[in-house]
Amino acid sequence: PILQVDGNRCPQVAFPVEAIVKGDAKVRAISAASILAKVARDRNLLELHAQYPEYGFDSHFGYPTPQHFAALDRHGPTPHHRRSFAPVRLALERLSGLAPEAPPF
């Protein structure tokens, strides 16, 4: 057995991996996994929306939209925001007084 992943990079795992560029269009299993992952992500973001309605997760589903950036500026990041994403990191720095005002997005 071999793990097939969509993209051009193989994750570091203990079994054989094959990266397939545009794999979701070429391999049915990757396509199915992609659909399942998106459905799970959307459900998770609807749950986050119930907790944090001011962020609009029900409409942008976590994508970096102007609405999402505005919510970060107004409310700061939630515990669920990815800290390595530059706008989140900058919002945290602004809240702690370590960074200047937000750059225009």
PDB file of N, CA and C in Angstrom:
ATOM      1  N   PRO A   1       0.829  -1.198   0.000  1.00  0.00           N
ATOM      2  CA  PRO A   1       0.000   0.000   0.000  1.00  0.00           C
ATOM      3  C   PRO A   1       0.875   1.264   0.000  1.00  0.00           C
ATOM      4  N   ILE A   2       0.342   2.285  -0.625  1.00  0.00           N
ATOM      5  CA  ILE A   2       1.049   3.564  -0.697  1.00  0.00           C
ATOM      6  C   ILE A   2       0.042   4.676  -0.421  1.00  0.00           C
ATOM      7  N   LEU A   3       0.468   5.680   0.316  1.00  0.00           N
ATOM      8  CA  LEU A   3      -0.352   6.848   0.593  1.00  0.00           C
ATOM      9  C   LEU A   3      -0.211   7.812  -0.571  1.00  0.00           C
ATOM     10  N   GLN A   4      -1.315   8.171  -1.182  1.00  0.00           N
ATOM     11  CA  GLN A   4      -1.297   9.142  -2.272  1.00  0.00           C
ATOM     12  C   GLN A   4      -1.857  10.458  -1.739  1.00  0.00           C
ATOM     13  N   VAL A   5      -1.129  11.544  -1.984  1.00  0.00           N
ATOM     14  CA  VAL A   5      -1.553  12.852  -1.501  1.00  0.00           C
ATOM     15  C   VAL A   5      -1.624  13.825  -2.663  1.00  0.00           C
ATOM     16  N   ASP A   6      -2.524  14.798  -2.529  1.00  0.00           N
ATOM     17  CA  ASP A   6      -2.678  15.834  -3.536  1.00  0.00           C
ATOM     18  C   ASP A   6      -1.604  16.887  -3.316  1.00  0.00           C
ATOM     19  N   GLY A   7      -0.871  17.213  -4.351  1.00  0.00           N
ATOM     20  CA  GLY A   7       0.141  18.256  -4.236  1.00  0.00           C
ATOM     21  C   GLY A   7       1.486  17.786  -4.740  1.00  0.00           C
ATOM     22  N   ASN A   8       2.501  18.566  -4.365  1.00  0.00           N
ATOM     23  CA  ASN A   8       3.849  18.239  -4.826  1.00  0.00           C
ATOM     24  C   ASN A   8       4.814  17.962  -3.673  1.00  0.00           C
ATOM     25  N   ARG A   9       4.274  17.768  -2.488  1.00  0.00           N
ATOM     26  CA  ARG A   9       5.114  17.471  -1.315  1.00  0.00           C
ATOM     27  C   ARG A   9       4.576  16.259  -0.588  1.00  0.00           C
ATOM     28  N   CYS A  10       5.484  15.443  -0.124  1.00  0.00           N
ATOM     29  CA  CYS A  10       5.106  14.257   0.639  1.00  0.00           C
ATOM     30  C   CYS A  10       5.260  14.533   2.129  1.00  0.00           C
ATOM     31  N   PRO A  11       4.251  14.189   2.923  1.00  0.00           N
ATOM     32  CA  PRO A  11       4.416  14.329   4.367  1.00  0.00           C
ATOM     33  C   PRO A  11       5.423  13.305   4.876  1.00  0.00           C
ATOM     34  N   GLN A  12       6.054  13.608   5.972  1.00  0.00           N
ATOM     35  CA  GLN A  12       7.013  12.692   6.583  1.00  0.00           C
ATOM     36  C   GLN A  12       6.247  11.696   7.452  1.00  0.00           C
ATOM     37  N   VAL A  13       6.023  10.517   6.901  1.00  0.00           N
ATOM     38  CA  VAL A  13       5.316   9.450   7.611  1.00  0.00           C
ATOM     39  C   VAL A  13       6.114   8.156   7.473  1.00  0.00           C
ATOM     40  N   ALA A  14       5.697   7.150   8.234  1.00  0.00           N
ATOM     41  CA  ALA A  14       6.463   5.903   8.304  1.00  0.00           C
ATOM     42  C   ALA A  14       6.096   4.893   7.222  1.00  0.00           C
ATOM     43  N   PHE A  15       5.487   5.328   6.137  1.00  0.00           N
ATOM     44  CA  PHE A  15       5.135   4.410   5.059  1.00  0.00           C
ATOM     45  C   PHE A  15       5.291   5.132   3.723  1.00  0.00           C
ATOM     46  N   PRO A  16       5.289   4.388   2.627  1.00  0.00           N
ATOM     47  CA  PRO A  16       5.519   4.997   1.317  1.00  0.00           C
ATOM     48  C   PRO A  16       4.439   6.034   0.959  1.00  0.00           C
ATOM     49  N   VAL A  17       4.890   7.140   0.367  1.00  0.00           N
ATOM     50  CA  VAL A  17       3.997   8.232  -0.012  1.00  0.00           C
ATOM     51  C   VAL A  17       4.282   8.628  -1.450  1.00  0.00           C
ATOM     52  N   GLU A  18       3.212   8.967  -2.164  1.00  0.00           N
ATOM     53  CA  GLU A  18       3.337   9.477  -3.524  1.00  0.00           C
ATOM     54  C   GLU A  18       2.565  10.795  -3.599  1.00  0.00           C
ATOM     55  N   ALA A  19       3.249  11.875  -3.950  1.00  0.00           N
ATOM     56  CA  ALA A  19       2.597  13.165  -4.167  1.00  0.00           C
ATOM     57  C   ALA A  19       2.150  13.240  -5.618  1.00  0.00           C
ATOM     58  N   ILE A  20       0.896  13.656  -5.824  1.00  0.00           N
ATOM     59  CA  ILE A  20       0.343  13.736  -7.174  1.00  0.00           C
ATOM     60  C   ILE A  20      -0.210  15.143  -7.374  1.00  0.00           C
ATOM     61  N   VAL A  21       0.439  15.903  -8.258  1.00  0.00           N
ATOM     62  CA  VAL A  21      -0.036  17.246  -8.564  1.00  0.00           C
ATOM     63  C   VAL A  21      -1.413  17.126  -9.215  1.00  0.00           C
ATOM     64  N   LYS A  22      -2.353  17.918  -8.718  1.00  0.00           N
ATOM     65  CA  LYS A  22      -3.758  17.867  -9.164  1.00  0.00           C
ATOM     66  C   LYS A  22      -4.350  16.481  -8.931  1.00  0.00           C
ATOM     67  N   GLY A  23      -3.916  15.858  -7.844  1.00  0.00           N
ATOM     68  CA  GLY A  23      -4.363  14.513  -7.510  1.00  0.00           C
ATOM     69  C   GLY A  23      -5.857  14.405  -7.303  1.00  0.00           C
ATOM     70  N   ASP A  24      -6.497  15.490  -6.829  1.00  0.00           N
ATOM     71  CA  ASP A  24      -7.938  15.424  -6.612  1.00  0.00           C
ATOM     72  C   ASP A  24      -8.705  15.304  -7.933  1.00  0.00           C
ATOM     73  N   ALA A  25      -8.083  15.644  -9.039  1.00  0.00           N
ATOM     74  CA  ALA A  25      -8.717  15.491 -10.351  1.00  0.00           C
ATOM     75  C   ALA A  25      -8.294  14.199 -11.044  1.00  0.00           C
ATOM     76  N   LYS A  26      -7.264  13.547 -10.532  1.00  0.00           N
ATOM     77  CA  LYS A  26      -6.713  12.367 -11.202  1.00  0.00           C
ATOM     78  C   LYS A  26      -6.990  11.054 -10.480  1.00  0.00           C
ATOM     79  N   VAL A  27      -7.146  11.114  -9.143  1.00  0.00           N
ATOM     80  CA  VAL A  27      -7.264   9.891  -8.345  1.00  0.00           C
ATOM     81  C   VAL A  27      -8.571   9.958  -7.556  1.00  0.00           C
ATOM     82  N   ARG A  28      -9.438   8.990  -7.786  1.00  0.00           N
ATOM     83  CA  ARG A  28     -10.757   9.009  -7.132  1.00  0.00           C
ATOM     84  C   ARG A  28     -10.658   9.044  -5.616  1.00  0.00           C
ATOM     85  N   ALA A  29      -9.734   8.300  -5.049  1.00  0.00           N
ATOM     86  CA  ALA A  29      -9.613   8.270  -3.589  1.00  0.00           C
ATOM     87  C   ALA A  29      -9.209   9.642  -3.044  1.00  0.00           C
ATOM     88  N   ILE A  30      -8.319  10.342  -3.742  1.00  0.00           N
ATOM     89  CA  ILE A  30      -7.923  11.683  -3.312  1.00  0.00           C
ATOM     90  C   ILE A  30      -9.103  12.638  -3.455  1.00  0.00           C
ATOM     91  N   SER A  31      -9.838  12.520  -4.543  1.00  0.00           N
ATOM     92  CA  SER A  31     -11.017  13.350  -4.763  1.00  0.00           C
ATOM     93  C   SER A  31     -12.040  13.137  -3.649  1.00  0.00           C
ATOM     94  N   ALA A  32     -12.307  11.888  -3.305  1.00  0.00           N
ATOM     95  CA  ALA A  32     -13.264  11.584  -2.241  1.00  0.00           C
ATOM     96  C   ALA A  32     -12.771  12.113  -0.894  1.00  0.00           C
ATOM     97  N   ALA A  33     -11.495  11.928  -0.622  1.00  0.00           N
ATOM     98  CA  ALA A  33     -10.935  12.418   0.640  1.00  0.00           C
ATOM     99  C   ALA A  33     -11.031  13.941   0.715  1.00  0.00           C
ATOM    100  N   SER A  34     -10.823  14.610  -0.411  1.00  0.00           N
ATOM    101  CA  SER A  34     -10.917  16.060  -0.458  1.00  0.00           C
ATOM    102  C   SER A  34     -12.335  16.524  -0.134  1.00  0.00           C
ATOM    103  N   ILE A  35     -13.318  15.850  -0.694  1.00  0.00           N
ATOM    104  CA  ILE A  35     -14.719  16.202  -0.420  1.00  0.00           C
ATOM    105  C   ILE A  35     -15.043  15.978   1.052  1.00  0.00           C
ATOM    106  N   LEU A  36     -14.644  14.835   1.583  1.00  0.00           N
ATOM    107  CA  LEU A  36     -14.902  14.552   2.998  1.00  0.00           C
ATOM    108  C   LEU A  36     -14.224  15.578   3.901  1.00  0.00           C
ATOM    109  N   ALA A  37     -13.006  15.955   3.570  1.00  0.00           N
ATOM    110  CA  ALA A  37     -12.286  16.944   4.379  1.00  0.00           C
ATOM    111  C   ALA A  37     -12.992  18.300   4.339  1.00  0.00           C
ATOM    112  N   LYS A  38     -13.478  18.706   3.176  1.00  0.00           N
ATOM    113  CA  LYS A  38     -14.169  20.003   3.067  1.00  0.00           C
ATOM    114  C   LYS A  38     -15.491  19.987   3.831  1.00  0.00           C
ATOM    115  N   VAL A  39     -16.219  18.883   3.773  1.00  0.00           N
ATOM    116  CA  VAL A  39     -17.473  18.777   4.523  1.00  0.00           C
ATOM    117  C   VAL A  39     -17.182  18.853   6.022  1.00  0.00           C
ATOM    118  N   ALA A  40     -16.157  18.135   6.479  1.00  0.00           N
ATOM    119  CA  ALA A  40     -15.795  18.170   7.902  1.00  0.00           C
ATOM    120  C   ALA A  40     -15.354  19.568   8.313  1.00  0.00           C
ATOM    121  N   ARG A  41     -14.537  20.239   7.475  1.00  0.00           N
ATOM    122  CA  ARG A  41     -14.098  21.600   7.776  1.00  0.00           C
ATOM    123  C   ARG A  41     -15.291  22.540   7.887  1.00  0.00           C
ATOM    124  N   ASP A  42     -16.214  22.455   6.934  1.00  0.00           N
ATOM    125  CA  ASP A  42     -17.380  23.341   6.961  1.00  0.00           C
ATOM    126  C   ASP A  42     -18.228  23.104   8.209  1.00  0.00           C
ATOM    127  N   ARG A  43     -18.395  21.858   8.606  1.00  0.00           N
ATOM    128  CA  ARG A  43     -19.145  21.562   9.846  1.00  0.00           C
ATOM    129  C   ARG A  43     -18.428  22.154  11.057  1.00  0.00           C
ATOM    130  N   ASN A  44     -17.122  21.987  11.100  1.00  0.00           N
ATOM    131  CA  ASN A  44     -16.361  22.550  12.223  1.00  0.00           C
ATOM    132  C   ASN A  44     -16.491  24.066  12.264  1.00  0.00           C
ATOM    133  N   LEU A  45     -16.456  24.699  11.103  1.00  0.00           N
ATOM    134  CA  LEU A  45     -16.560  26.160  11.083  1.00  0.00           C
ATOM    135  C   LEU A  45     -17.962  26.625  11.439  1.00  0.00           C
ATOM    136  N   LEU A  46     -18.987  25.850  11.135  1.00  0.00           N
ATOM    137  CA  LEU A  46     -20.334  26.202  11.589  1.00  0.00           C
ATOM    138  C   LEU A  46     -20.425  26.109  13.110  1.00  0.00           C
ATOM    139  N   GLU A  47     -19.739  25.135  13.699  1.00  0.00           N
ATOM    140  CA  GLU A  47     -19.685  25.051  15.163  1.00  0.00           C
ATOM    141  C   GLU A  47     -18.932  26.247  15.741  1.00  0.00           C
ATOM    142  N   LEU A  48     -17.833  26.638  15.103  1.00  0.00           N
ATOM    143  CA  LEU A  48     -17.110  27.832  15.556  1.00  0.00           C
ATOM    144  C   LEU A  48     -17.979  29.076  15.417  1.00  0.00           C
ATOM    145  N   HIS A  49     -18.775  29.139  14.361  1.00  0.00           N
ATOM    146  CA  HIS A  49     -19.665  30.282  14.177  1.00  0.00           C
ATOM    147  C   HIS A  49     -20.656  30.385  15.341  1.00  0.00           C
ATOM    148  N   ALA A  50     -21.139  29.246  15.817  1.00  0.00           N
ATOM    149  CA  ALA A  50     -22.067  29.266  16.957  1.00  0.00           C
ATOM    150  C   ALA A  50     -21.384  29.841  18.204  1.00  0.00           C
ATOM    151  N   GLN A  51     -20.098  29.586  18.364  1.00  0.00           N
ATOM    152  CA  GLN A  51     -19.334  30.115  19.505  1.00  0.00           C
ATOM    153  C   GLN A  51     -18.889  31.552  19.291  1.00  0.00           C
ATOM    154  N   TYR A  52     -18.532  31.886  18.065  1.00  0.00           N
ATOM    155  CA  TYR A  52     -17.941  33.190  17.738  1.00  0.00           C
ATOM    156  C   TYR A  52     -18.649  33.801  16.530  1.00  0.00           C
ATOM    157  N   PRO A  53     -19.922  34.183  16.653  1.00  0.00           N
ATOM    158  CA  PRO A  53     -20.662  34.673  15.484  1.00  0.00           C
ATOM    159  C   PRO A  53     -20.083  35.953  14.887  1.00  0.00           C
ATOM    160  N   GLU A  54     -19.373  36.730  15.686  1.00  0.00           N
ATOM    161  CA  GLU A  54     -18.822  37.995  15.195  1.00  0.00           C
ATOM    162  C   GLU A  54     -17.757  37.805  14.113  1.00  0.00           C
ATOM    163  N   TYR A  55     -17.257  36.599  13.948  1.00  0.00           N
ATOM    164  CA  TYR A  55     -16.222  36.346  12.936  1.00  0.00           C
ATOM    165  C   TYR A  55     -16.793  35.945  11.577  1.00  0.00           C
ATOM    166  N   GLY A  56     -18.060  35.562  11.506  1.00  0.00           N
ATOM    167  CA  GLY A  56     -18.673  35.216  10.232  1.00  0.00           C
ATOM    168  C   GLY A  56     -18.163  33.922   9.619  1.00  0.00           C
ATOM    169  N   PHE A  57     -17.770  32.960  10.461  1.00  0.00           N
ATOM    170  CA  PHE A  57     -17.263  31.694   9.926  1.00  0.00           C
ATOM    171  C   PHE A  57     -18.298  30.966   9.068  1.00  0.00           C
ATOM    172  N   ASP A  58     -19.575  31.288   9.240  1.00  0.00           N
ATOM    173  CA  ASP A  58     -20.612  30.629   8.445  1.00  0.00           C
ATOM    174  C   ASP A  58     -20.663  31.140   7.010  1.00  0.00           C
ATOM    175  N   SER A  59     -19.999  32.255   6.740  1.00  0.00           N
ATOM    176  CA  SER A  59     -20.044  32.776   5.378  1.00  0.00           C
ATOM    177  C   SER A  59     -18.704  32.684   4.652  1.00  0.00           C
ATOM    178  N   HIS A  60     -17.598  32.861   5.355  1.00  0.00           N
ATOM    179  CA  HIS A  60     -16.304  32.794   4.663  1.00  0.00           C
ATOM    180  C   HIS A  60     -15.563  31.489   4.922  1.00  0.00           C
ATOM    181  N   PHE A  61     -16.064  30.681   5.847  1.00  0.00           N
ATOM    182  CA  PHE A  61     -15.521  29.356   6.139  1.00  0.00           C
ATOM    183  C   PHE A  61     -14.007  29.357   6.328  1.00  0.00           C
ATOM    184  N   GLY A  62     -13.504  30.413   6.974  1.00  0.00           N
ATOM    185  CA  GLY A  62     -12.097  30.445   7.334  1.00  0.00           C
ATOM    186  C   GLY A  62     -11.170  30.995   6.276  1.00  0.00           C
ATOM    187  N   TYR A  63     -11.715  31.336   5.112  1.00  0.00           N
ATOM    188  CA  TYR A  63     -10.853  31.909   4.078  1.00  0.00           C
ATOM    189  C   TYR A  63     -10.514  33.355   4.425  1.00  0.00           C
ATOM    190  N   PRO A  64      -9.348  33.828   3.991  1.00  0.00           N
ATOM    191  CA  PRO A  64      -8.913  35.186   4.344  1.00  0.00           C
ATOM    192  C   PRO A  64      -9.648  36.254   3.523  1.00  0.00           C
ATOM    193  N   THR A  65     -10.847  36.592   3.961  1.00  0.00           N
ATOM    194  CA  THR A  65     -11.658  37.598   3.279  1.00  0.00           C
ATOM    195  C   THR A  65     -11.532  38.928   4.011  1.00  0.00           C
ATOM    196  N   PRO A  66     -11.939  40.022   3.390  1.00  0.00           N
ATOM    197  CA  PRO A  66     -11.954  41.308   4.106  1.00  0.00           C
ATOM    198  C   PRO A  66     -12.776  41.239   5.401  1.00  0.00           C
ATOM    199  N   GLN A  67     -13.895  40.499   5.363  1.00  0.00           N
ATOM    200  CA  GLN A  67     -14.719  40.336   6.571  1.00  0.00           C
ATOM    201  C   GLN A  67     -13.923  39.661   7.687  1.00  0.00           C
ATOM    202  N   HIS A  68     -13.168  38.637   7.335  1.00  0.00           N
ATOM    203  CA  HIS A  68     -12.380  37.912   8.332  1.00  0.00           C
ATOM    204  C   HIS A  68     -11.282  38.814   8.909  1.00  0.00           C
ATOM    205  N   PHE A  69     -10.592  39.560   8.036  1.00  0.00           N
ATOM    206  CA  PHE A  69      -9.554  40.477   8.509  1.00  0.00           C
ATOM    207  C   PHE A  69     -10.145  41.549   9.410  1.00  0.00           C
ATOM    208  N   ALA A  70     -11.317  42.063   9.067  1.00  0.00           N
ATOM    209  CA  ALA A  70     -11.959  43.086   9.895  1.00  0.00           C
ATOM    210  C   ALA A  70     -12.302  42.525  11.276  1.00  0.00           C
ATOM    211  N   ALA A  71     -12.796  41.288  11.328  1.00  0.00           N
ATOM    212  CA  ALA A  71     -13.114  40.662  12.611  1.00  0.00           C
ATOM    213  C   ALA A  71     -11.849  40.461  13.441  1.00  0.00           C
ATOM    214  N   LEU A  72     -10.760  40.067  12.802  1.00  0.00           N
ATOM    215  CA  LEU A  72      -9.485  39.939  13.526  1.00  0.00           C
ATOM    216  C   LEU A  72      -9.063  41.276  14.120  1.00  0.00           C
ATOM    217  N   ASP A  73      -9.213  42.351  13.344  1.00  0.00           N
ATOM    218  CA  ASP A  73      -8.844  43.677  13.833  1.00  0.00           C
ATOM    219  C   ASP A  73      -9.734  44.110  14.994  1.00  0.00           C
ATOM    220  N   ARG A  74     -11.029  43.833  14.884  1.00  0.00           N
ATOM    221  CA  ARG A  74     -11.969  44.265  15.928  1.00  0.00           C
ATOM    222  C   ARG A  74     -11.893  43.418  17.187  1.00  0.00           C
ATOM    223  N   HIS A  75     -11.772  42.103  17.020  1.00  0.00           N
ATOM    224  CA  HIS A  75     -11.935  41.192  18.153  1.00  0.00           C
ATOM    225  C   HIS A  75     -10.669  40.424  18.521  1.00  0.00           C
ATOM    226  N   GLY A  76      -9.647  40.503  17.685  1.00  0.00           N
ATOM    227  CA  GLY A  76      -8.460  39.683  17.911  1.00  0.00           C
ATOM    228  C   GLY A  76      -8.755  38.238  17.526  1.00  0.00           C
ATOM    229  N   PRO A  77      -7.752  37.392  17.540  1.00  0.00           N
ATOM    230  CA  PRO A  77      -7.951  35.995  17.151  1.00  0.00           C
ATOM    231  C   PRO A  77      -8.650  35.183  18.244  1.00  0.00           C
ATOM    232  N   THR A  78      -9.347  34.150  17.825  1.00  0.00           N
ATOM    233  CA  THR A  78      -9.915  33.188  18.764  1.00  0.00           C
ATOM    234  C   THR A  78      -8.808  32.184  19.121  1.00  0.00           C
ATOM    235  N   PRO A  79      -9.045  31.338  20.095  1.00  0.00           N
ATOM    236  CA  PRO A  79      -8.058  30.284  20.388  1.00  0.00           C
ATOM    237  C   PRO A  79      -7.886  29.307  19.220  1.00  0.00           C
ATOM    238  N   HIS A  80      -8.807  29.348  18.261  1.00  0.00           N
ATOM    239  CA  HIS A  80      -8.776  28.405  17.144  1.00  0.00           C
ATOM    240  C   HIS A  80      -8.041  28.942  15.924  1.00  0.00           C
ATOM    241  N   HIS A  81      -7.702  30.207  15.915  1.00  0.00           N
ATOM    242  CA  HIS A  81      -6.981  30.771  14.773  1.00  0.00           C
ATOM    243  C   HIS A  81      -5.550  30.234  14.733  1.00  0.00           C
ATOM    244  N   ARG A  82      -5.073  29.996  13.536  1.00  0.00           N
ATOM    245  CA  ARG A  82      -3.721  29.479  13.323  1.00  0.00           C
ATOM    246  C   ARG A  82      -2.711  30.608  13.565  1.00  0.00           C
ATOM    247  N   ARG A  83      -1.880  30.455  14.558  1.00  0.00           N
ATOM    248  CA  ARG A  83      -0.935  31.505  14.972  1.00  0.00           C
ATOM    249  C   ARG A  83       0.153  31.771  13.943  1.00  0.00           C
ATOM    250  N   SER A  84       0.406  30.824  13.046  1.00  0.00           N
ATOM    251  CA  SER A  84       1.453  31.020  12.042  1.00  0.00           C
ATOM    252  C   SER A  84       0.967  31.846  10.850  1.00  0.00           C
ATOM    253  N   PHE A  85      -0.344  32.089  10.742  1.00  0.00           N
ATOM    254  CA  PHE A  85      -0.903  32.897   9.655  1.00  0.00           C
ATOM    255  C   PHE A  85      -0.601  34.364   9.966  1.00  0.00           C
ATOM    256  N   ALA A  86       0.103  35.031   9.059  1.00  0.00           N
ATOM    257  CA  ALA A  86       0.626  36.380   9.338  1.00  0.00           C
ATOM    258  C   ALA A  86      -0.417  37.351   9.875  1.00  0.00           C
ATOM    259  N   PRO A  87      -1.625  37.461   9.311  1.00  0.00           N
ATOM    260  CA  PRO A  87      -2.594  38.409   9.880  1.00  0.00           C
ATOM    261  C   PRO A  87      -2.986  38.081  11.326  1.00  0.00           C
ATOM    262  N   VAL A  88      -3.023  36.803  11.679  1.00  0.00           N
ATOM    263  CA  VAL A  88      -3.329  36.414  13.056  1.00  0.00           C
ATOM    264  C   VAL A  88      -2.166  36.803  13.960  1.00  0.00           C
ATOM    265  N   ARG A  89      -0.962  36.494  13.525  1.00  0.00           N
ATOM    266  CA  ARG A  89       0.223  36.850  14.302  1.00  0.00           C
ATOM    267  C   ARG A  89       0.288  38.359  14.523  1.00  0.00           C
ATOM    268  N   LEU A  90       0.013  39.139  13.472  1.00  0.00           N
ATOM    269  CA  LEU A  90       0.027  40.603  13.603  1.00  0.00           C
ATOM    270  C   LEU A  90      -1.068  41.088  14.547  1.00  0.00           C
ATOM    271  N   ALA A  91      -2.249  40.481  14.486  1.00  0.00           N
ATOM    272  CA  ALA A  91      -3.335  40.868  15.398  1.00  0.00           C
ATOM    273  C   ALA A  91      -2.936  40.595  16.843  1.00  0.00           C
ATOM    274  N   LEU A  92      -2.298  39.468  17.091  1.00  0.00           N
ATOM    275  CA  LEU A  92      -1.828  39.158  18.447  1.00  0.00           C
ATOM    276  C   LEU A  92      -0.781  40.165  18.912  1.00  0.00           C
ATOM    277  N   GLU A  93       0.133  40.515  18.012  1.00  0.00           N
ATOM    278  CA  GLU A  93       1.165  41.490  18.362  1.00  0.00           C
ATOM    279  C   GLU A  93       0.548  42.856  18.647  1.00  0.00           C
ATOM    280  N   ARG A  94      -0.457  43.265  17.859  1.00  0.00           N
ATOM    281  CA  ARG A  94      -1.123  44.548  18.103  1.00  0.00           C
ATOM    282  C   ARG A  94      -1.811  44.547  19.455  1.00  0.00           C
ATOM    283  N   LEU A  95      -2.484  43.442  19.777  1.00  0.00           N
ATOM    284  CA  LEU A  95      -3.185  43.347  21.057  1.00  0.00           C
ATOM    285  C   LEU A  95      -2.223  43.426  22.233  1.00  0.00           C
ATOM    286  N   SER A  96      -1.014  42.908  22.038  1.00  0.00           N
ATOM    287  CA  SER A  96      -0.030  42.941  23.122  1.00  0.00           C
ATOM    288  C   SER A  96       0.788  44.223  23.113  1.00  0.00           C
ATOM    289  N   GLY A  97       0.516  45.091  22.105  1.00  0.00           N
ATOM    290  CA  GLY A  97       1.239  46.355  22.023  1.00  0.00           C
ATOM    291  C   GLY A  97       2.598  46.247  21.378  1.00  0.00           C
ATOM    292  N   LEU A  98       2.881  45.137  20.706  1.00  0.00           N
ATOM    293  CA  LEU A  98       4.205  44.925  20.110  1.00  0.00           C
ATOM    294  C   LEU A  98       4.283  45.293  18.642  1.00  0.00           C
ATOM    295  N   ALA A  99       3.142  45.589  18.019  1.00  0.00           N
ATOM    296  CA  ALA A  99       3.157  45.858  16.562  1.00  0.00           C
ATOM    297  C   ALA A  99       2.382  47.123  16.257  1.00  0.00           C
ATOM    298  N   PRO A 100       2.719  47.757  15.138  1.00  0.00           N
ATOM    299  CA  PRO A 100       1.958  48.926  14.707  1.00  0.00           C
ATOM    300  C   PRO A 100       0.565  48.525  14.223  1.00  0.00           C
ATOM    301  N   GLU A 101      -0.209  49.491  13.811  1.00  0.00           N
ATOM    302  CA  GLU A 101      -1.549  49.244  13.285  1.00  0.00           C
ATOM    303  C   GLU A 101      -1.506  48.263  12.126  1.00  0.00           C
ATOM    304  N   ALA A 102      -2.658  47.664  11.854  1.00  0.00           N
ATOM    305  CA  ALA A 102      -2.755  46.639  10.809  1.00  0.00           C
ATOM    306  C   ALA A 102      -2.415  47.207   9.441  1.00  0.00           C
ATOM    307  N   PRO A 103      -1.691  46.418   8.638  1.00  0.00           N
ATOM    308  CA  PRO A 103      -1.451  46.833   7.254  1.00  0.00           C
ATOM    309  C   PRO A 103      -2.743  46.702   6.475  1.00  0.00           C
ATOM    310  N   PRO A 104      -2.905  47.464   5.403  1.00  0.00           N
ATOM    311  CA  PRO A 104      -4.130  47.323   4.608  1.00  0.00           C
ATOM    312  C   PRO A 104      -4.138  45.996   3.862  1.00  0.00           C
ATOM    313  N   PHE A 105      -5.274  45.347   3.833  1.00  0.00           N
ATOM    314  CA  PHE A 105      -5.415  44.062   3.136  1.00  0.00           C
ATOM    315  C   PHE A 105      -6.364  44.222   1.994  1.00  0.00           C
TER     316      PHE A 105
END
